[in-house]
Amino acid sequence: MALNRCPECRKKISDSVEQCPHCGFSFKEADLEIYKQKLEQRRLENAEINRKSIKFHLIWLLIFVLVIGLSSVLFS
């Protein structure tokens, strides 16, 4: 009997159970496929958020550089 971690609650459970005794996560093939689809959707959403975040940070960096550049020109 080997112990695995439940993908939902991360607690150790036996590899022979069909459902996590802690959170109720089902290890049936159909339920695992649904879980994989949800993970993929969440990964795509996070990738989109990261792209937006990078753009936001780059814009603020550009504004910061412009302000520093203008202040060094005006006060030198």
N, C-alpha and C. Protein backbone atom coordinates (compact mmCIF):
# COMPACT_ATOMS: atom_id res chain seq x y z
N MET A 1 0.84 -1.18 0.00
CA MET A 1 0.00 0.00 0.00
C MET A 1 0.89 1.25 0.00
N ALA A 2 0.82 2.00 -1.05
CA ALA A 2 1.60 3.23 -1.16
C ALA A 2 0.73 4.43 -0.80
N LEU A 3 1.39 5.48 -0.36
CA LEU A 3 0.67 6.71 -0.04
C LEU A 3 0.96 7.76 -1.11
N ASN A 4 -0.11 8.40 -1.55
CA ASN A 4 -0.02 9.51 -2.50
C ASN A 4 -0.63 10.73 -1.86
N ARG A 5 -0.42 11.86 -2.49
CA ARG A 5 -1.04 13.09 -2.01
C ARG A 5 -2.29 13.37 -2.85
N CYS A 6 -3.33 13.79 -2.17
CA CYS A 6 -4.56 14.19 -2.86
C CYS A 6 -4.27 15.49 -3.62
N PRO A 7 -4.64 15.59 -4.89
CA PRO A 7 -4.36 16.82 -5.63
C PRO A 7 -5.17 18.01 -5.15
N GLU A 8 -6.25 17.76 -4.45
CA GLU A 8 -7.10 18.85 -3.99
C GLU A 8 -6.66 19.39 -2.63
N CYS A 9 -6.54 18.51 -1.62
CA CYS A 9 -6.22 18.98 -0.26
C CYS A 9 -4.76 18.74 0.13
N ARG A 10 -4.00 17.98 -0.68
CA ARG A 10 -2.58 17.71 -0.50
C ARG A 10 -2.27 16.86 0.73
N LYS A 11 -3.25 16.17 1.29
CA LYS A 11 -3.01 15.27 2.42
C LYS A 11 -2.68 13.89 1.89
N LYS A 12 -1.91 13.11 2.66
CA LYS A 12 -1.52 11.77 2.24
C LYS A 12 -2.69 10.81 2.37
N ILE A 13 -2.89 10.03 1.30
CA ILE A 13 -3.95 9.03 1.29
C ILE A 13 -3.43 7.77 0.61
N SER A 14 -4.11 6.67 0.80
CA SER A 14 -3.75 5.41 0.17
C SER A 14 -4.01 5.50 -1.34
N ASP A 15 -3.21 4.80 -2.11
CA ASP A 15 -3.40 4.82 -3.56
C ASP A 15 -4.53 3.91 -4.01
N SER A 16 -5.13 3.18 -3.10
CA SER A 16 -6.21 2.26 -3.46
C SER A 16 -7.60 2.83 -3.23
N VAL A 17 -7.72 4.02 -2.68
CA VAL A 17 -9.05 4.60 -2.41
C VAL A 17 -9.60 5.26 -3.67
N GLU A 18 -10.92 5.33 -3.75
CA GLU A 18 -11.56 5.98 -4.89
C GLU A 18 -11.97 7.40 -4.56
N GLN A 19 -11.90 7.77 -3.30
CA GLN A 19 -12.31 9.10 -2.87
C GLN A 19 -11.46 9.50 -1.68
N CYS A 20 -11.02 10.76 -1.65
CA CYS A 20 -10.21 11.25 -0.54
C CYS A 20 -11.09 11.31 0.72
N PRO A 21 -10.64 10.71 1.82
CA PRO A 21 -11.43 10.75 3.06
C PRO A 21 -11.44 12.13 3.71
N HIS A 22 -10.52 13.01 3.31
CA HIS A 22 -10.42 14.34 3.93
C HIS A 22 -11.30 15.37 3.23
N CYS A 23 -11.23 15.41 1.88
CA CYS A 23 -11.95 16.45 1.15
C CYS A 23 -13.02 15.90 0.21
N GLY A 24 -13.02 14.59 -0.02
CA GLY A 24 -14.02 13.99 -0.88
C GLY A 24 -13.69 13.99 -2.36
N PHE A 25 -12.46 14.33 -2.70
CA PHE A 25 -12.04 14.34 -4.10
C PHE A 25 -12.15 12.93 -4.68
N SER A 26 -12.78 12.80 -5.85
CA SER A 26 -13.00 11.50 -6.46
C SER A 26 -11.88 11.17 -7.44
N PHE A 27 -11.40 9.93 -7.40
CA PHE A 27 -10.33 9.49 -8.28
C PHE A 27 -10.85 8.65 -9.45
N LYS A 28 -12.13 8.72 -9.72
CA LYS A 28 -12.70 8.02 -10.88
C LYS A 28 -12.21 8.71 -12.15
N GLU A 29 -12.09 7.94 -13.24
CA GLU A 29 -11.54 8.47 -14.50
C GLU A 29 -12.29 9.69 -15.00
N ALA A 30 -13.62 9.65 -14.97
CA ALA A 30 -14.42 10.78 -15.46
C ALA A 30 -14.16 12.03 -14.62
N ASP A 31 -14.08 11.86 -13.30
CA ASP A 31 -13.84 13.00 -12.42
C ASP A 31 -12.42 13.54 -12.58
N LEU A 32 -11.47 12.65 -12.81
CA LEU A 32 -10.09 13.10 -13.03
C LEU A 32 -9.98 13.90 -14.32
N GLU A 33 -10.71 13.51 -15.34
CA GLU A 33 -10.69 14.25 -16.61
C GLU A 33 -11.27 15.64 -16.43
N ILE A 34 -12.36 15.74 -15.69
CA ILE A 34 -12.95 17.05 -15.40
C ILE A 34 -11.96 17.90 -14.61
N TYR A 35 -11.28 17.30 -13.65
CA TYR A 35 -10.29 18.02 -12.84
C TYR A 35 -9.14 18.53 -13.72
N LYS A 36 -8.68 17.70 -14.66
CA LYS A 36 -7.61 18.11 -15.56
C LYS A 36 -8.05 19.28 -16.44
N GLN A 37 -9.29 19.26 -16.90
CA GLN A 37 -9.80 20.36 -17.72
C GLN A 37 -9.87 21.65 -16.91
N LYS A 38 -10.30 21.55 -15.65
CA LYS A 38 -10.35 22.73 -14.80
C LYS A 38 -8.95 23.28 -14.55
N LEU A 39 -7.98 22.39 -14.34
CA LEU A 39 -6.61 22.83 -14.14
C LEU A 39 -6.07 23.56 -15.37
N GLU A 40 -6.37 23.02 -16.55
CA GLU A 40 -5.92 23.65 -17.79
C GLU A 40 -6.56 25.02 -17.97
N GLN A 41 -7.85 25.12 -17.67
CA GLN A 41 -8.54 26.41 -17.76
C GLN A 41 -7.94 27.41 -16.78
N ARG A 42 -7.66 26.97 -15.56
CA ARG A 42 -7.05 27.85 -14.56
C ARG A 42 -5.66 28.29 -14.99
N ARG A 43 -4.89 27.37 -15.62
CA ARG A 43 -3.56 27.71 -16.10
C ARG A 43 -3.63 28.78 -17.19
N LEU A 44 -4.58 28.66 -18.10
CA LEU A 44 -4.74 29.65 -19.16
C LEU A 44 -5.16 31.00 -18.60
N GLU A 45 -6.06 31.00 -17.62
CA GLU A 45 -6.47 32.25 -16.99
C GLU A 45 -5.29 32.92 -16.28
N ASN A 46 -4.48 32.14 -15.58
CA ASN A 46 -3.31 32.69 -14.91
C ASN A 46 -2.29 33.23 -15.89
N ALA A 47 -2.14 32.57 -17.04
CA ALA A 47 -1.21 33.06 -18.06
C ALA A 47 -1.68 34.41 -18.59
N GLU A 48 -2.98 34.56 -18.78
CA GLU A 48 -3.53 35.83 -19.26
C GLU A 48 -3.32 36.94 -18.21
N ILE A 49 -3.54 36.61 -16.96
CA ILE A 49 -3.32 37.58 -15.88
C ILE A 49 -1.86 38.00 -15.84
N ASN A 50 -0.95 37.03 -16.01
CA ASN A 50 0.48 37.35 -16.00
C ASN A 50 0.86 38.26 -17.16
N ARG A 51 0.28 38.03 -18.35
CA ARG A 51 0.56 38.90 -19.49
C ARG A 51 0.11 40.33 -19.21
N LYS A 52 -1.09 40.46 -18.64
CA LYS A 52 -1.60 41.79 -18.31
C LYS A 52 -0.73 42.46 -17.25
N SER A 53 -0.28 41.68 -16.28
CA SER A 53 0.55 42.22 -15.21
C SER A 53 1.89 42.70 -15.75
N ILE A 54 2.47 41.96 -16.67
CA ILE A 54 3.75 42.36 -17.25
C ILE A 54 3.59 43.67 -18.01
N LYS A 55 2.52 43.80 -18.78
CA LYS A 55 2.27 45.04 -19.52
C LYS A 55 2.11 46.21 -18.54
N PHE A 56 1.37 45.99 -17.47
CA PHE A 56 1.15 47.03 -16.47
C PHE A 56 2.48 47.47 -15.85
N HIS A 57 3.34 46.52 -15.49
CA HIS A 57 4.62 46.86 -14.88
C HIS A 57 5.54 47.57 -15.87
N LEU A 58 5.51 47.17 -17.11
CA LEU A 58 6.34 47.84 -18.12
C LEU A 58 5.89 49.28 -18.34
N ILE A 59 4.60 49.52 -18.32
CA ILE A 59 4.10 50.89 -18.47
C ILE A 59 4.56 51.75 -17.30
N TRP A 60 4.45 51.22 -16.08
CA TRP A 60 4.91 51.98 -14.92
C TRP A 60 6.42 52.21 -14.94
N LEU A 61 7.18 51.23 -15.42
CA LEU A 61 8.62 51.40 -15.55
C LEU A 61 8.94 52.51 -16.55
N LEU A 62 8.22 52.53 -17.67
CA LEU A 62 8.43 53.57 -18.67
C LEU A 62 8.11 54.95 -18.10
N ILE A 63 7.00 55.07 -17.37
CA ILE A 63 6.64 56.35 -16.74
C ILE A 63 7.72 56.76 -15.75
N PHE A 64 8.21 55.83 -14.95
CA PHE A 64 9.25 56.13 -13.97
C PHE A 64 10.52 56.62 -14.66
N VAL A 65 10.92 55.95 -15.72
CA VAL A 65 12.13 56.35 -16.44
C VAL A 65 11.94 57.73 -17.06
N LEU A 66 10.77 58.01 -17.60
CA LEU A 66 10.51 59.33 -18.18
C LEU A 66 10.56 60.43 -17.11
N VAL A 67 9.98 60.17 -15.96
CA VAL A 67 10.00 61.16 -14.88
C VAL A 67 11.43 61.41 -14.41
N ILE A 68 12.21 60.37 -14.22
CA ILE A 68 13.61 60.53 -13.81
C ILE A 68 14.39 61.28 -14.88
N GLY A 69 14.17 60.92 -16.14
CA GLY A 69 14.86 61.59 -17.24
C GLY A 69 14.51 63.06 -17.32
N LEU A 70 13.24 63.38 -17.21
CA LEU A 70 12.82 64.79 -17.24
C LEU A 70 13.35 65.57 -16.05
N SER A 71 13.33 64.97 -14.88
CA SER A 71 13.83 65.68 -13.70
C SER A 71 15.34 65.91 -13.79
N SER A 72 16.07 64.96 -14.37
CA SER A 72 17.51 65.17 -14.50
C SER A 72 17.82 66.25 -15.54
N VAL A 73 17.01 66.36 -16.57
CA VAL A 73 17.20 67.41 -17.59
C VAL A 73 16.82 68.77 -17.02
N LEU A 74 15.72 68.84 -16.30
CA LEU A 74 15.23 70.11 -15.78
C LEU A 74 16.07 70.65 -14.62
N PHE A 75 16.64 69.79 -13.81
CA PHE A 75 17.36 70.24 -12.63
C PHE A 75 18.88 70.15 -12.78
N SER A 76 19.37 69.96 -13.99
CA SER A 76 20.82 69.93 -14.15
C SER A 76 21.35 71.22 -14.70
